[in-house]
Amino acid sequence: MDNNDYIKREKLIMDMEYSIITNYIKLRKESHMSQEKLAKETNVIRTTIARIEKNMNSPQLKTMLELLEPLGYTLDIVPIKK
């Protein structure tokens, strides 16, 4: 893999992560669930939730699933749109 391919791949991964987090934030707000309430329902520390939402931390898959479950959602694997 040359440097240009590496950069394209990293950008794609960053874009996918941004999309997941952006959609999760939208769902949380539409559900009228505060970070504090979500933290209590999931046992994920509120500061961890805040850092994920500010894109300061990349969430582990398990954490993302824990945050989505009380909102009535999960993650799914779908083909990449090109």
N, C-alpha and C. Protein backbone atom coordinates (compact mmCIF):
# COMPACT_ATOMS: atom_id res chain seq x y z
N MET A 1 0.85 -1.16 0.00
CA MET A 1 0.00 0.00 0.00
C MET A 1 0.91 1.23 0.00
N ASP A 2 0.70 2.11 -0.97
CA ASP A 2 1.52 3.32 -0.99
C ASP A 2 0.92 4.38 -0.06
N ASN A 3 1.64 5.45 0.11
CA ASN A 3 1.25 6.50 1.06
C ASN A 3 -0.12 7.10 0.72
N ASN A 4 -0.39 7.29 -0.56
CA ASN A 4 -1.67 7.87 -0.98
C ASN A 4 -2.83 6.94 -0.63
N ASP A 5 -2.66 5.63 -0.84
CA ASP A 5 -3.70 4.67 -0.48
C ASP A 5 -3.92 4.66 1.03
N TYR A 6 -2.84 4.75 1.78
CA TYR A 6 -2.94 4.77 3.24
C TYR A 6 -3.75 5.99 3.70
N ILE A 7 -3.46 7.14 3.13
CA ILE A 7 -4.17 8.38 3.50
C ILE A 7 -5.65 8.26 3.15
N LYS A 8 -5.97 7.72 1.98
CA LYS A 8 -7.38 7.54 1.58
C LYS A 8 -8.10 6.60 2.54
N ARG A 9 -7.43 5.52 2.92
CA ARG A 9 -8.03 4.55 3.84
C ARG A 9 -8.28 5.18 5.21
N GLU A 10 -7.31 5.91 5.72
CA GLU A 10 -7.46 6.57 7.02
C GLU A 10 -8.60 7.59 7.00
N LYS A 11 -8.71 8.33 5.90
CA LYS A 11 -9.79 9.31 5.77
C LYS A 11 -11.15 8.61 5.76
N LEU A 12 -11.25 7.51 5.03
CA LEU A 12 -12.49 6.75 4.98
C LEU A 12 -12.88 6.27 6.38
N ILE A 13 -11.94 5.74 7.12
CA ILE A 13 -12.23 5.26 8.47
C ILE A 13 -12.64 6.41 9.38
N MET A 14 -11.95 7.53 9.28
CA MET A 14 -12.32 8.70 10.10
C MET A 14 -13.72 9.19 9.74
N ASP A 15 -14.05 9.19 8.47
CA ASP A 15 -15.38 9.63 8.03
C ASP A 15 -16.47 8.68 8.55
N MET A 16 -16.19 7.38 8.54
CA MET A 16 -17.18 6.42 9.05
C MET A 16 -17.37 6.60 10.56
N GLU A 17 -16.28 6.78 11.29
CA GLU A 17 -16.39 6.99 12.73
C GLU A 17 -17.16 8.27 13.02
N TYR A 18 -16.86 9.35 12.30
CA TYR A 18 -17.57 10.61 12.48
C TYR A 18 -19.07 10.43 12.23
N SER A 19 -19.41 9.69 11.18
CA SER A 19 -20.81 9.46 10.85
C SER A 19 -21.53 8.69 11.96
N ILE A 20 -20.89 7.66 12.49
CA ILE A 20 -21.50 6.87 13.57
C ILE A 20 -21.75 7.76 14.78
N ILE A 21 -20.75 8.53 15.17
CA ILE A 21 -20.88 9.37 16.37
C ILE A 21 -21.91 10.46 16.14
N THR A 22 -21.91 11.08 14.97
CA THR A 22 -22.88 12.13 14.66
C THR A 22 -24.30 11.58 14.71
N ASN A 23 -24.51 10.40 14.13
CA ASN A 23 -25.84 9.79 14.16
C ASN A 23 -26.24 9.40 15.58
N TYR A 24 -25.31 8.89 16.35
CA TYR A 24 -25.60 8.54 17.75
C TYR A 24 -26.03 9.79 18.53
N ILE A 25 -25.31 10.92 18.37
CA ILE A 25 -25.66 12.16 19.08
C ILE A 25 -27.07 12.60 18.69
N LYS A 26 -27.36 12.54 17.40
CA LYS A 26 -28.70 12.92 16.91
C LYS A 26 -29.77 12.05 17.57
N LEU A 27 -29.54 10.74 17.62
CA LEU A 27 -30.51 9.82 18.23
C LEU A 27 -30.68 10.11 19.72
N ARG A 28 -29.56 10.38 20.41
CA ARG A 28 -29.63 10.67 21.85
C ARG A 28 -30.48 11.91 22.09
N LYS A 29 -30.23 12.95 21.31
CA LYS A 29 -30.97 14.20 21.48
C LYS A 29 -32.44 14.05 21.10
N GLU A 30 -32.73 13.30 20.02
CA GLU A 30 -34.12 13.06 19.62
C GLU A 30 -34.87 12.27 20.68
N SER A 31 -34.15 11.46 21.43
CA SER A 31 -34.75 10.67 22.51
C SER A 31 -34.88 11.46 23.80
N HIS A 32 -34.46 12.72 23.76
CA HIS A 32 -34.49 13.60 24.94
C HIS A 32 -33.75 12.97 26.12
N MET A 33 -32.63 12.31 25.81
CA MET A 33 -31.84 11.65 26.83
C MET A 33 -30.56 12.47 27.05
N SER A 34 -30.39 12.93 28.26
CA SER A 34 -29.17 13.67 28.59
C SER A 34 -28.00 12.70 28.70
N GLN A 35 -26.80 13.23 28.63
CA GLN A 35 -25.62 12.40 28.83
C GLN A 35 -25.67 11.77 30.22
N GLU A 36 -26.10 12.53 31.20
CA GLU A 36 -26.18 12.03 32.58
C GLU A 36 -27.15 10.84 32.69
N LYS A 37 -28.33 10.98 32.09
CA LYS A 37 -29.32 9.89 32.15
C LYS A 37 -28.80 8.66 31.41
N LEU A 38 -28.18 8.88 30.25
CA LEU A 38 -27.64 7.76 29.48
C LEU A 38 -26.52 7.06 30.27
N ALA A 39 -25.72 7.85 30.95
CA ALA A 39 -24.65 7.27 31.77
C ALA A 39 -25.23 6.37 32.86
N LYS A 40 -26.29 6.83 33.49
CA LYS A 40 -26.93 6.02 34.55
C LYS A 40 -27.53 4.74 34.00
N GLU A 41 -28.09 4.81 32.79
CA GLU A 41 -28.74 3.63 32.21
C GLU A 41 -27.73 2.62 31.66
N THR A 42 -26.53 3.07 31.36
CA THR A 42 -25.56 2.20 30.70
C THR A 42 -24.34 1.86 31.56
N ASN A 43 -24.15 2.56 32.65
CA ASN A 43 -22.94 2.43 33.46
C ASN A 43 -21.68 2.86 32.70
N VAL A 44 -21.85 3.67 31.65
CA VAL A 44 -20.73 4.31 30.98
C VAL A 44 -20.58 5.67 31.63
N ILE A 45 -19.37 6.01 32.05
CA ILE A 45 -19.14 7.26 32.76
C ILE A 45 -19.52 8.44 31.87
N ARG A 46 -20.22 9.45 32.44
CA ARG A 46 -20.67 10.60 31.66
C ARG A 46 -19.51 11.31 30.98
N THR A 47 -18.36 11.42 31.63
CA THR A 47 -17.22 12.08 30.98
C THR A 47 -16.74 11.29 29.76
N THR A 48 -16.88 9.98 29.81
CA THR A 48 -16.54 9.17 28.63
C THR A 48 -17.50 9.48 27.49
N ILE A 49 -18.79 9.59 27.81
CA ILE A 49 -19.79 9.94 26.80
C ILE A 49 -19.47 11.32 26.21
N ALA A 50 -19.15 12.27 27.05
CA ALA A 50 -18.83 13.63 26.58
C ALA A 50 -17.60 13.61 25.68
N ARG A 51 -16.60 12.86 26.05
CA ARG A 51 -15.37 12.79 25.22
C ARG A 51 -15.64 12.13 23.88
N ILE A 52 -16.48 11.12 23.86
CA ILE A 52 -16.85 10.50 22.59
C ILE A 52 -17.59 11.51 21.72
N GLU A 53 -18.54 12.23 22.31
CA GLU A 53 -19.33 13.20 21.55
C GLU A 53 -18.51 14.39 21.07
N LYS A 54 -17.45 14.72 21.77
CA LYS A 54 -16.56 15.81 21.34
C LYS A 54 -15.45 15.31 20.42
N ASN A 55 -15.52 14.02 20.08
CA ASN A 55 -14.53 13.38 19.22
C ASN A 55 -13.13 13.42 19.83
N MET A 56 -13.08 13.35 21.15
CA MET A 56 -11.80 13.32 21.85
C MET A 56 -11.34 11.88 22.08
N ASN A 57 -12.28 10.95 22.10
CA ASN A 57 -12.00 9.52 22.29
C ASN A 57 -12.69 8.73 21.20
N SER A 58 -12.03 7.72 20.71
CA SER A 58 -12.67 6.77 19.81
C SER A 58 -13.30 5.68 20.67
N PRO A 59 -14.60 5.51 20.57
CA PRO A 59 -15.24 4.52 21.44
C PRO A 59 -14.91 3.10 21.01
N GLN A 60 -14.81 2.23 21.99
CA GLN A 60 -14.70 0.81 21.68
C GLN A 60 -16.06 0.34 21.17
N LEU A 61 -16.07 -0.71 20.41
CA LEU A 61 -17.31 -1.23 19.85
C LEU A 61 -18.31 -1.55 20.96
N LYS A 62 -17.87 -2.19 22.02
CA LYS A 62 -18.76 -2.54 23.13
C LYS A 62 -19.40 -1.29 23.73
N THR A 63 -18.63 -0.24 23.91
CA THR A 63 -19.16 1.01 24.48
C THR A 63 -20.20 1.61 23.56
N MET A 64 -19.93 1.64 22.26
CA MET A 64 -20.89 2.21 21.32
C MET A 64 -22.19 1.42 21.35
N LEU A 65 -22.10 0.10 21.41
CA LEU A 65 -23.30 -0.73 21.48
C LEU A 65 -24.06 -0.48 22.79
N GLU A 66 -23.34 -0.29 23.89
CA GLU A 66 -23.98 0.00 25.17
C GLU A 66 -24.72 1.33 25.13
N LEU A 67 -24.17 2.31 24.43
CA LEU A 67 -24.80 3.63 24.34
C LEU A 67 -26.03 3.61 23.43
N LEU A 68 -25.99 2.80 22.39
CA LEU A 68 -27.10 2.77 21.44
C LEU A 68 -28.29 1.95 21.93
N GLU A 69 -28.04 0.93 22.73
CA GLU A 69 -29.10 0.01 23.15
C GLU A 69 -30.27 0.71 23.84
N PRO A 70 -30.04 1.61 24.84
CA PRO A 70 -31.18 2.27 25.48
C PRO A 70 -31.93 3.23 24.55
N LEU A 71 -31.30 3.59 23.45
CA LEU A 71 -31.94 4.47 22.47
C LEU A 71 -32.75 3.66 21.47
N GLY A 72 -32.64 2.32 21.56
CA GLY A 72 -33.39 1.44 20.66
C GLY A 72 -32.69 1.16 19.35
N TYR A 73 -31.38 1.28 19.32
CA TYR A 73 -30.61 1.09 18.09
C TYR A 73 -29.42 0.17 18.33
N THR A 74 -28.85 -0.29 17.24
CA THR A 74 -27.63 -1.07 17.25
C THR A 74 -26.81 -0.69 16.02
N LEU A 75 -25.65 -1.26 15.89
CA LEU A 75 -24.82 -1.05 14.71
C LEU A 75 -25.04 -2.22 13.76
N ASP A 76 -24.84 -1.98 12.48
CA ASP A 76 -24.99 -3.02 11.49
C ASP A 76 -23.86 -2.87 10.47
N ILE A 77 -23.52 -3.96 9.81
CA ILE A 77 -22.49 -3.92 8.79
C ILE A 77 -23.18 -3.79 7.43
N VAL A 78 -22.79 -2.74 6.71
CA VAL A 78 -23.37 -2.48 5.39
C VAL A 78 -22.24 -2.17 4.40
N PRO A 79 -22.50 -2.37 3.11
CA PRO A 79 -21.47 -2.06 2.13
C PRO A 79 -21.12 -0.57 2.13
N ILE A 80 -19.88 -0.27 1.84
CA ILE A 80 -19.42 1.12 1.75
C ILE A 80 -19.91 1.69 0.43
N LYS A 81 -20.49 2.88 0.51
CA LYS A 81 -20.93 3.57 -0.71
C LYS A 81 -19.71 4.24 -1.33
N LYS A 82 -19.51 4.00 -2.60
CA LYS A 82 -18.35 4.58 -3.29
C LYS A 82 -18.79 5.50 -4.38
